[in-house]
Amino acid sequence: MESMRPVFIGGCPRSGTTFLGSLLGGHSRIICVPESEFIGMASRLVSSDENIDNDALRCVLHHWRFRYWGLDRKRVISGMRDDNTLRDFIETIISDYSGQRRKETIDIWIDHTPNNLHFLPTLFRHFPEGLAIHIIRDARAVAASIMPLDWGPNTSRDAADLWVRETGIGLAAREWLPDRIMNIHYESLVMDTESQLKMICDFIDIPYESVLIENAGFSVPRYSRKQHALVGKAPDRTRIDAWKTRLKGRDVEIIESRARSMMAYLGYTELIHDKPRPIRLSEKMMFGLRDAMWRRWIHRIRLNRRRRE
């Protein structure tokens, strides 16, 4: 089997990692695989020159997301060799996944797991020719998208803090390896999709294909179809400013008060031009109560129900 080159897309959750993965996955020689935190986690368990051990194998095969690849676990194990490295193993399951989707000749595989940027030091040791793309989206749009979901932060305070933290990791990664990590803004990708895709294709060294703009290169698993309802549809420019009607004015103010420096560095204009008021003690108490109720009870029930579907 010829070696495939990986491209790891990452960024703050709800920044468009799946959207970008679906666009690129439409290429005739690219496969976009389902989200797979287990690849990054397993990359920390074994060295690049070591054979895959039971801990790394278990990390992959028993991770709840592996089920959504649609592969037979027993068949995967039966195809293992004693001298398989983690890279050998990952490329085998990617090849099997590609075959299921009738893509037989693959040069690049795309992993669009948002937290990929946390694992790049070890991922790049296993895949030394790998590249990464950090997708950046407006903090307010991220908050409006993530707060109603059954995972992640459900308050503007926590959504803003998550955005600052995750965006900072991506920017630091770019400083670490500027030749192998690309920054791209979600807004630019939506507004000028073709030119942005051509720039990305140049970066990953593959010819541009006009079919990419159709956004049909990834089949979303059933458990997350509602959250990724726009995958498979043409880029929608109205999504860029949808947060203005979905967020309350006070939530916008809280986000801007906590993320204003990072937003300014990245070119995002504040809606509240005067100094935004920081979060009040009463709001801290309210957010803490809401977080405890949603995260510990409602989120857990809803998320477990989706995973069982």
Foldseek 3Di string as FASTA:
>chain_A
DDAAAEEEEAFQPPQCLLLLLLLVLLDLAEAEAEAFVLLLVLLVVDALQAARDPVSLCSRLVDLCNVLLVDDSVVLVVPDDRRHHSSNSVVVSVCVSCVVVVRNHHRYYYHSHHCVLVRVVSVCRNRVNYAYEYEAADLLLQLLLPLVALDAANALQRSLVSNVVRVVSLVVSCVVPVLRYHYDYPLCCLVPVPVVVCVVCVSSVHHDDPSSQQQRSDDDGPLCCVSVVCRRHGRDNVSRPPSVVRDDPLSLLQSCLRNVVVCVVVVHDRPDPPRRDYDDPVRVVVSVVVCCPSNVPVSVVSSVVSSVD
